[in-house]
mmCIF file of all heavy atoms, coordinates in Angstrom:
data_MODEL
# 
_entry.id   MODEL 
# 
loop_
_atom_site.group_PDB 
_atom_site.id 
_atom_site.type_symbol 
_atom_site.label_atom_id 
_atom_site.label_alt_id 
_atom_site.label_comp_id 
_atom_site.label_asym_id 
_atom_site.label_entity_id 
_atom_site.label_seq_id 
_atom_site.pdbx_PDB_ins_code 
_atom_site.Cartn_x 
_atom_site.Cartn_y 
_atom_site.Cartn_z 
_atom_site.occupancy 
_atom_site.B_iso_or_equiv 
_atom_site.pdbx_formal_charge 
_atom_site.auth_seq_id 
_atom_site.auth_comp_id 
_atom_site.auth_asym_id 
_atom_site.auth_atom_id 
_atom_site.pdbx_PDB_model_num 
ATOM 1   N N   . ALA A 1 1  ? 14.453 14.991 13.518 1.00 0.00 ? 1  ALA A N   1 
ATOM 2   C CA  . ALA A 1 1  ? 13.928 13.883 14.312 1.00 0.00 ? 1  ALA A CA  1 
ATOM 3   C C   . ALA A 1 1  ? 14.431 12.557 13.755 1.00 0.00 ? 1  ALA A C   1 
ATOM 4   O O   . ALA A 1 1  ? 14.408 12.316 12.546 1.00 0.00 ? 1  ALA A O   1 
ATOM 5   C CB  . ALA A 1 1  ? 12.402 13.913 14.313 1.00 0.00 ? 1  ALA A CB  1 
ATOM 6   N N   . SER A 1 2  ? 14.899 11.682 14.628 1.00 0.00 ? 2  SER A N   1 
ATOM 7   C CA  . SER A 1 2  ? 15.469 10.399 14.214 1.00 0.00 ? 2  SER A CA  1 
ATOM 8   C C   . SER A 1 2  ? 14.489 9.267  14.462 1.00 0.00 ? 2  SER A C   1 
ATOM 9   O O   . SER A 1 2  ? 13.896 9.173  15.539 1.00 0.00 ? 2  SER A O   1 
ATOM 10  C CB  . SER A 1 2  ? 16.765 10.133 14.992 1.00 0.00 ? 2  SER A CB  1 
ATOM 11  O OG  . SER A 1 2  ? 17.221 8.810  14.775 1.00 0.00 ? 2  SER A OG  1 
ATOM 12  N N   . VAL A 1 3  ? 14.316 8.419  13.454 1.00 0.00 ? 3  VAL A N   1 
ATOM 13  C CA  . VAL A 1 3  ? 13.462 7.244  13.636 1.00 0.00 ? 3  VAL A CA  1 
ATOM 14  C C   . VAL A 1 3  ? 14.219 6.144  14.375 1.00 0.00 ? 3  VAL A C   1 
ATOM 15  O O   . VAL A 1 3  ? 13.620 5.229  14.929 1.00 0.00 ? 3  VAL A O   1 
ATOM 16  C CB  . VAL A 1 3  ? 12.942 6.707  12.288 1.00 0.00 ? 3  VAL A CB  1 
ATOM 17  C CG1 . VAL A 1 3  ? 12.089 7.737  11.588 1.00 0.00 ? 3  VAL A CG1 1 
ATOM 18  C CG2 . VAL A 1 3  ? 14.084 6.269  11.393 1.00 0.00 ? 3  VAL A CG2 1 
ATOM 19  N N   . ILE A 1 4  ? 15.537 6.227  14.355 1.00 0.00 ? 4  ILE A N   1 
ATOM 20  C CA  . ILE A 1 4  ? 16.359 5.246  15.065 1.00 0.00 ? 4  ILE A CA  1 
ATOM 21  C C   . ILE A 1 4  ? 16.388 5.559  16.554 1.00 0.00 ? 4  ILE A C   1 
ATOM 22  O O   . ILE A 1 4  ? 16.275 4.663  17.397 1.00 0.00 ? 4  ILE A O   1 
ATOM 23  C CB  . ILE A 1 4  ? 17.792 5.210  14.506 1.00 0.00 ? 4  ILE A CB  1 
ATOM 24  C CG1 . ILE A 1 4  ? 17.776 4.749  13.038 1.00 0.00 ? 4  ILE A CG1 1 
ATOM 25  C CG2 . ILE A 1 4  ? 18.690 4.291  15.342 1.00 0.00 ? 4  ILE A CG2 1 
ATOM 26  C CD1 . ILE A 1 4  ? 19.132 4.784  12.366 1.00 0.00 ? 4  ILE A CD1 1 
ATOM 27  N N   . GLY A 1 5  ? 16.516 6.838  16.870 1.00 0.00 ? 5  GLY A N   1 
ATOM 28  C CA  . GLY A 1 5  ? 16.518 7.232  18.280 1.00 0.00 ? 5  GLY A CA  1 
ATOM 29  C C   . GLY A 1 5  ? 17.623 6.561  19.056 1.00 0.00 ? 5  GLY A C   1 
ATOM 30  O O   . GLY A 1 5  ? 18.773 6.515  18.622 1.00 0.00 ? 5  GLY A O   1 
ATOM 31  N N   . ASP A 1 6  ? 17.263 6.004  20.222 1.00 0.00 ? 6  ASP A N   1 
ATOM 32  C CA  . ASP A 1 6  ? 18.264 5.363  21.078 1.00 0.00 ? 6  ASP A CA  1 
ATOM 33  C C   . ASP A 1 6  ? 18.302 3.854  20.908 1.00 0.00 ? 6  ASP A C   1 
ATOM 34  O O   . ASP A 1 6  ? 18.854 3.137  21.746 1.00 0.00 ? 6  ASP A O   1 
ATOM 35  C CB  . ASP A 1 6  ? 18.009 5.720  22.543 1.00 0.00 ? 6  ASP A CB  1 
ATOM 36  C CG  . ASP A 1 6  ? 16.611 5.295  23.012 1.00 0.00 ? 6  ASP A CG  1 
ATOM 37  O OD1 . ASP A 1 6  ? 15.831 4.779  22.170 1.00 0.00 ? 6  ASP A OD1 1 
ATOM 38  O OD2 . ASP A 1 6  ? 16.301 5.484  24.197 1.00 0.00 ? 6  ASP A OD2 1 
ATOM 39  N N   . ILE A 1 7  ? 17.709 3.345  19.833 1.00 0.00 ? 7  ILE A N   1 
ATOM 40  C CA  . ILE A 1 7  ? 17.713 1.901  19.573 1.00 0.00 ? 7  ILE A CA  1 
ATOM 41  C C   . ILE A 1 7  ? 19.135 1.434  19.291 1.00 0.00 ? 7  ILE A C   1 
ATOM 42  O O   . ILE A 1 7  ? 19.846 2.034  18.488 1.00 0.00 ? 7  ILE A O   1 
ATOM 43  C CB  . ILE A 1 7  ? 16.796 1.559  18.386 1.00 0.00 ? 7  ILE A CB  1 
ATOM 44  C CG1 . ILE A 1 7  ? 15.341 1.821  18.761 1.00 0.00 ? 7  ILE A CG1 1 
ATOM 45  C CG2 . ILE A 1 7  ? 16.976 0.103  17.953 1.00 0.00 ? 7  ILE A CG2 1 
ATOM 46  C CD1 . ILE A 1 7  ? 14.367 1.631  17.620 1.00 0.00 ? 7  ILE A CD1 1 
ATOM 47  N N   . ASP A 1 8  ? 19.562 0.363  19.961 1.00 0.00 ? 8  ASP A N   1 
ATOM 48  C CA  . ASP A 1 8  ? 20.922 -0.131 19.776 1.00 0.00 ? 8  ASP A CA  1 
ATOM 49  C C   . ASP A 1 8  ? 20.976 -1.632 19.497 1.00 0.00 ? 8  ASP A C   1 
ATOM 50  O O   . ASP A 1 8  ? 22.016 -2.265 19.660 1.00 0.00 ? 8  ASP A O   1 
ATOM 51  C CB  . ASP A 1 8  ? 21.788 0.210  20.995 1.00 0.00 ? 8  ASP A CB  1 
ATOM 52  C CG  . ASP A 1 8  ? 21.226 -0.355 22.291 1.00 0.00 ? 8  ASP A CG  1 
ATOM 53  O OD1 . ASP A 1 8  ? 20.231 -1.111 22.238 1.00 0.00 ? 8  ASP A OD1 1 
ATOM 54  O OD2 . ASP A 1 8  ? 21.776 -0.040 23.367 1.00 0.00 ? 8  ASP A OD2 1 
ATOM 55  N N   . GLU A 1 9  ? 19.865 -2.222 19.078 1.00 0.00 ? 9  GLU A N   1 
ATOM 56  C CA  . GLU A 1 9  ? 19.847 -3.628 18.673 1.00 0.00 ? 9  GLU A CA  1 
ATOM 57  C C   . GLU A 1 9  ? 18.874 -3.793 17.521 1.00 0.00 ? 9  GLU A C   1 
ATOM 58  O O   . GLU A 1 9  ? 17.962 -2.977 17.327 1.00 0.00 ? 9  GLU A O   1 
ATOM 59  C CB  . GLU A 1 9  ? 19.481 -4.547 19.838 1.00 0.00 ? 9  GLU A CB  1 
ATOM 60  C CG  . GLU A 1 9  ? 18.149 -4.246 20.494 1.00 0.00 ? 9  GLU A CG  1 
ATOM 61  C CD  . GLU A 1 9  ? 17.893 -5.117 21.710 1.00 0.00 ? 9  GLU A CD  1 
ATOM 62  O OE1 . GLU A 1 9  ? 18.153 -6.335 21.635 1.00 0.00 ? 9  GLU A OE1 1 
ATOM 63  O OE2 . GLU A 1 9  ? 17.436 -4.583 22.734 1.00 0.00 ? 9  GLU A OE2 1 
ATOM 64  N N   . ASP A 1 10 ? 19.077 -4.855 16.737 1.00 0.00 ? 10 ASP A N   1 
ATOM 65  C CA  . ASP A 1 10 ? 18.238 -5.081 15.562 1.00 0.00 ? 10 ASP A CA  1 
ATOM 66  C C   . ASP A 1 10 ? 16.762 -5.099 15.955 1.00 0.00 ? 10 ASP A C   1 
ATOM 67  O O   . ASP A 1 10 ? 16.355 -5.835 16.864 1.00 0.00 ? 10 ASP A O   1 
ATOM 68  C CB  . ASP A 1 10 ? 18.604 -6.402 14.891 1.00 0.00 ? 10 ASP A CB  1 
ATOM 69  C CG  . ASP A 1 10 ? 19.980 -6.350 14.249 1.00 0.00 ? 10 ASP A CG  1 
ATOM 70  O OD1 . ASP A 1 10 ? 20.523 -5.238 14.095 1.00 0.00 ? 10 ASP A OD1 1 
ATOM 71  O OD2 . ASP A 1 10 ? 20.519 -7.426 13.916 1.00 0.00 ? 10 ASP A OD2 1 
ATOM 72  N N   . THR A 1 11 ? 15.970 -4.294 15.253 1.00 0.00 ? 11 THR A N   1 
ATOM 73  C CA  . THR A 1 11 ? 14.560 -4.133 15.589 1.00 0.00 ? 11 THR A CA  1 
ATOM 74  C C   . THR A 1 11 ? 13.720 -4.094 14.321 1.00 0.00 ? 11 THR A C   1 
ATOM 75  O O   . THR A 1 11 ? 14.098 -3.456 13.339 1.00 0.00 ? 11 THR A O   1 
ATOM 76  C CB  . THR A 1 11 ? 14.338 -2.826 16.381 1.00 0.00 ? 11 THR A CB  1 
ATOM 77  O OG1 . THR A 1 11 ? 15.111 -2.866 17.590 1.00 0.00 ? 11 THR A OG1 1 
ATOM 78  C CG2 . THR A 1 11 ? 12.876 -2.637 16.729 1.00 0.00 ? 11 THR A CG2 1 
ATOM 79  N N   . LEU A 1 12 ? 12.593 -4.788 14.367 1.00 0.00 ? 12 LEU A N   1 
ATOM 80  C CA  . LEU A 1 12 ? 11.653 -4.759 13.249 1.00 0.00 ? 12 LEU A CA  1 
ATOM 81  C C   . LEU A 1 12 ? 10.321 -4.226 13.765 1.00 0.00 ? 12 LEU A C   1 
ATOM 82  O O   . LEU A 1 12 ? 9.722  -4.796 14.674 1.00 0.00 ? 12 LEU A O   1 
ATOM 83  C CB  . LEU A 1 12 ? 11.462 -6.158 12.657 1.00 0.00 ? 12 LEU A CB  1 
ATOM 84  C CG  . LEU A 1 12 ? 10.615 -6.238 11.388 1.00 0.00 ? 12 LEU A CG  1 
ATOM 85  C CD1 . LEU A 1 12 ? 11.271 -5.454 10.256 1.00 0.00 ? 12 LEU A CD1 1 
ATOM 86  C CD2 . LEU A 1 12 ? 10.382 -7.684 10.963 1.00 0.00 ? 12 LEU A CD2 1 
ATOM 87  N N   . LYS A 1 13 ? 9.876  -3.105 13.165 1.00 0.00 ? 13 LYS A N   1 
ATOM 88  C CA  . LYS A 1 13 ? 8.629  -2.477 13.586 1.00 0.00 ? 13 LYS A CA  1 
ATOM 89  C C   . LYS A 1 13 ? 7.542  -2.766 12.555 1.00 0.00 ? 13 LYS A C   1 
ATOM 90  O O   . LYS A 1 13 ? 7.711  -2.499 11.372 1.00 0.00 ? 13 LYS A O   1 
ATOM 91  C CB  . LYS A 1 13 ? 8.821  -0.970 13.749 1.00 0.00 ? 13 LYS A CB  1 
ATOM 92  C CG  . LYS A 1 13 ? 9.786  -0.598 14.867 1.00 0.00 ? 13 LYS A CG  1 
ATOM 93  C CD  . LYS A 1 13 ? 9.840  0.915  15.067 1.00 0.00 ? 13 LYS A CD  1 
ATOM 94  C CE  . LYS A 1 13 ? 10.731 1.277  16.252 1.00 0.00 ? 13 LYS A CE  1 
ATOM 95  N NZ  . LYS A 1 13 ? 10.721 2.737  16.529 1.00 0.00 ? 13 LYS A NZ  1 
ATOM 96  N N   . LEU A 1 14 ? 6.414  -3.309 13.034 1.00 0.00 ? 14 LEU A N   1 
ATOM 97  C CA  . LEU A 1 14 ? 5.300  -3.670 12.171 1.00 0.00 ? 14 LEU A CA  1 
ATOM 98  C C   . LEU A 1 14 ? 4.183  -2.638 12.317 1.00 0.00 ? 14 LEU A C   1 
ATOM 99  O O   . LEU A 1 14 ? 3.811  -2.280 13.437 1.00 0.00 ? 14 LEU A O   1 
ATOM 100 C CB  . LEU A 1 14 ? 4.753  -5.057 12.532 1.00 0.00 ? 14 LEU A CB  1 
ATOM 101 C CG  . LEU A 1 14 ? 5.560  -6.284 12.101 1.00 0.00 ? 14 LEU A CG  1 
ATOM 102 C CD1 . LEU A 1 14 ? 6.946  -6.301 12.737 1.00 0.00 ? 14 LEU A CD1 1 
ATOM 103 C CD2 . LEU A 1 14 ? 4.822  -7.560 12.480 1.00 0.00 ? 14 LEU A CD2 1 
ATOM 104 N N   . SER A 1 15 ? 3.644  -2.172 11.186 1.00 0.00 ? 15 SER A N   1 
ATOM 105 C CA  . SER A 1 15 ? 2.602  -1.152 11.203 1.00 0.00 ? 15 SER A CA  1 
ATOM 106 C C   . SER A 1 15 ? 1.285  -1.690 10.659 1.00 0.00 ? 15 SER A C   1 
ATOM 107 O O   . SER A 1 15 ? 1.274  -2.661 9.888  1.00 0.00 ? 15 SER A O   1 
ATOM 108 C CB  . SER A 1 15 ? 3.041  0.065  10.379 1.00 0.00 ? 15 SER A CB  1 
ATOM 109 O OG  . SER A 1 15 ? 4.177  0.671  10.962 1.00 0.00 ? 15 SER A OG  1 
ATOM 110 N N   . PRO A 1 16 ? 0.163  -1.070 11.035 1.00 0.00 ? 16 PRO A N   1 
ATOM 111 C CA  . PRO A 1 16 ? -1.158 -1.546 10.602 1.00 0.00 ? 16 PRO A CA  1 
ATOM 112 C C   . PRO A 1 16 ? -1.341 -1.573 9.091  1.00 0.00 ? 16 PRO A C   1 
ATOM 113 O O   . PRO A 1 16 ? -2.128 -2.362 8.577  1.00 0.00 ? 16 PRO A O   1 
ATOM 114 C CB  . PRO A 1 16 ? -2.115 -0.537 11.254 1.00 0.00 ? 16 PRO A CB  1 
ATOM 115 C CG  . PRO A 1 16 ? -1.374 0.005  12.414 1.00 0.00 ? 16 PRO A CG  1 
ATOM 116 C CD  . PRO A 1 16 ? 0.059  0.058  11.979 1.00 0.00 ? 16 PRO A CD  1 
ATOM 117 N N   . ASN A 1 17 ? -0.642 -0.703 8.352  1.00 0.00 ? 17 ASN A N   1 
ATOM 118 C CA  . ASN A 1 17 ? -0.804 -0.662 6.893  1.00 0.00 ? 17 ASN A CA  1 
ATOM 119 C C   . ASN A 1 17 ? 0.033  -1.708 6.167  1.00 0.00 ? 17 ASN A C   1 
ATOM 120 O O   . ASN A 1 17 ? 0.087  -1.729 4.943  1.00 0.00 ? 17 ASN A O   1 
ATOM 121 C CB  . ASN A 1 17 ? -0.469 0.730  6.357  1.00 0.00 ? 17 ASN A CB  1 
ATOM 122 C CG  . ASN A 1 17 ? 0.977  1.136  6.632  1.00 0.00 ? 17 ASN A CG  1 
ATOM 123 O OD1 . ASN A 1 17 ? 1.753  0.385  7.209  1.00 0.00 ? 17 ASN A OD1 1 
ATOM 124 N ND2 . ASN A 1 17 ? 1.346  2.342  6.219  1.00 0.00 ? 17 ASN A ND2 1 
ATOM 125 N N   . GLY A 1 18 ? 0.696  -2.574 6.933  1.00 0.00 ? 18 GLY A N   1 
ATOM 126 C CA  . GLY A 1 18 ? 1.464  -3.661 6.325  1.00 0.00 ? 18 GLY A CA  1 
ATOM 127 C C   . GLY A 1 18 ? 2.917  -3.345 6.069  1.00 0.00 ? 18 GLY A C   1 
ATOM 128 O O   . GLY A 1 18 ? 3.692  -4.232 5.691  1.00 0.00 ? 18 GLY A O   1 
ATOM 129 N N   . THR A 1 19 ? 3.323  -2.088 6.254  1.00 0.00 ? 19 THR A N   1 
ATOM 130 C CA  . THR A 1 19 ? 4.723  -1.731 6.057  1.00 0.00 ? 19 THR A CA  1 
ATOM 131 C C   . THR A 1 19 ? 5.561  -2.171 7.252  1.00 0.00 ? 19 THR A C   1 
ATOM 132 O O   . THR A 1 19 ? 5.053  -2.355 8.369  1.00 0.00 ? 19 THR A O   1 
ATOM 133 C CB  . THR A 1 19 ? 4.888  -0.213 5.860  1.00 0.00 ? 19 THR A CB  1 
ATOM 134 O OG1 . THR A 1 19 ? 4.434  0.466  7.042  1.00 0.00 ? 19 THR A OG1 1 
ATOM 135 C CG2 . THR A 1 19 ? 4.094  0.252  4.657  1.00 0.00 ? 19 THR A CG2 1 
ATOM 136 N N   . LEU A 1 20 ? 6.857  -2.320 7.006  1.00 0.00 ? 20 LEU A N   1 
ATOM 137 C CA  . LEU A 1 20 ? 7.781  -2.726 8.060  1.00 0.00 ? 20 LEU A CA  1 
ATOM 138 C C   . LEU A 1 20 ? 8.975  -1.779 8.061  1.00 0.00 ? 20 LEU A C   1 
ATOM 139 O O   . LEU A 1 20 ? 9.477  -1.402 7.000  1.00 0.00 ? 20 LEU A O   1 
ATOM 140 C CB  . LEU A 1 20 ? 8.286  -4.165 7.849  1.00 0.00 ? 20 LEU A CB  1 
ATOM 141 C CG  . LEU A 1 20 ? 7.238  -5.274 7.778  1.00 0.00 ? 20 LEU A CG  1 
ATOM 142 C CD1 . LEU A 1 20 ? 6.822  -5.512 6.321  1.00 0.00 ? 20 LEU A CD1 1 
ATOM 143 C CD2 . LEU A 1 20 ? 7.771  -6.569 8.367  1.00 0.00 ? 20 LEU A CD2 1 
ATOM 144 N N   . LEU A 1 21 ? 9.415  -1.402 9.233  1.00 0.00 ? 21 LEU A N   1 
ATOM 145 C CA  . LEU A 1 21 ? 10.611 -0.573 9.374  1.00 0.00 ? 21 LEU A CA  1 
ATOM 146 C C   . LEU A 1 21 ? 11.667 -1.410 10.089 1.00 0.00 ? 21 LEU A C   1 
ATOM 147 O O   . LEU A 1 21 ? 11.501 -1.787 11.241 1.00 0.00 ? 21 LEU A O   1 
ATOM 148 C CB  . LEU A 1 21 ? 10.316 0.694  10.175 1.00 0.00 ? 21 LEU A CB  1 
ATOM 149 C CG  . LEU A 1 21 ? 11.518 1.631  10.362 1.00 0.00 ? 21 LEU A CG  1 
ATOM 150 C CD1 . LEU A 1 21 ? 11.937 2.236  9.031  1.00 0.00 ? 21 LEU A CD1 1 
ATOM 151 C CD2 . LEU A 1 21 ? 11.195 2.739  11.369 1.00 0.00 ? 21 LEU A CD2 1 
ATOM 152 N N   . GLU A 1 22 ? 12.743 -1.695 9.360  1.00 0.00 ? 22 GLU A N   1 
ATOM 153 C CA  . GLU A 1 22 ? 13.830 -2.492 9.921  1.00 0.00 ? 22 GLU A CA  1 
ATOM 154 C C   . GLU A 1 22 ? 14.968 -1.574 10.365 1.00 0.00 ? 22 GLU A C   1 
ATOM 155 O O   . GLU A 1 22 ? 15.518 -0.828 9.565  1.00 0.00 ? 22 GLU A O   1 
ATOM 156 C CB  . GLU A 1 22 ? 14.352 -3.490 8.889  1.00 0.00 ? 22 GLU A CB  1 
ATOM 157 C CG  . GLU A 1 22 ? 15.493 -4.346 9.416  1.00 0.00 ? 22 GLU A CG  1 
ATOM 158 C CD  . GLU A 1 22 ? 16.139 -5.192 8.335  1.00 0.00 ? 22 GLU A CD  1 
ATOM 159 O OE1 . GLU A 1 22 ? 16.334 -4.671 7.207  1.00 0.00 ? 22 GLU A OE1 1 
ATOM 160 O OE2 . GLU A 1 22 ? 16.440 -6.356 8.594  1.00 0.00 ? 22 GLU A OE2 1 
ATOM 161 N N   . ILE A 1 23 ? 15.294 -1.645 11.639 1.00 0.00 ? 23 ILE A N   1 
ATOM 162 C CA  . ILE A 1 23 ? 16.419 -0.883 12.172 1.00 0.00 ? 23 ILE A CA  1 
ATOM 163 C C   . ILE A 1 23 ? 17.535 -1.877 12.488 1.00 0.00 ? 23 ILE A C   1 
ATOM 164 O O   . ILE A 1 23 ? 17.372 -2.750 13.340 1.00 0.00 ? 23 ILE A O   1 
ATOM 165 C CB  . ILE A 1 23 ? 16.016 -0.091 13.426 1.00 0.00 ? 23 ILE A CB  1 
ATOM 166 C CG1 . ILE A 1 23 ? 14.930 0.933  13.064 1.00 0.00 ? 23 ILE A CG1 1 
ATOM 167 C CG2 . ILE A 1 23 ? 17.227 0.610  14.035 1.00 0.00 ? 23 ILE A CG2 1 
ATOM 168 C CD1 . ILE A 1 23 ? 14.380 1.693  14.239 1.00 0.00 ? 23 ILE A CD1 1 
ATOM 169 N N   . SER A 1 24 ? 18.643 -1.740 11.781 1.00 0.00 ? 24 SER A N   1 
ATOM 170 C CA  . SER A 1 24 ? 19.776 -2.650 11.953 1.00 0.00 ? 24 SER A CA  1 
ATOM 171 C C   . SER A 1 24 ? 20.918 -1.923 12.644 1.00 0.00 ? 24 SER A C   1 
ATOM 172 O O   . SER A 1 24 ? 21.203 -0.762 12.335 1.00 0.00 ? 24 SER A O   1 
ATOM 173 C CB  . SER A 1 24 ? 20.244 -3.184 10.600 1.00 0.00 ? 24 SER A CB  1 
ATOM 174 O OG  . SER A 1 24 ? 19.227 -3.908 9.957  1.00 0.00 ? 24 SER A OG  1 
# 
């Protein structure tokens, strides 16, 4: 399973626990 998936532009995902997932 891919966390990037079909994302094709810079994306920042914010989560309730304060962590951030940056997809470049």
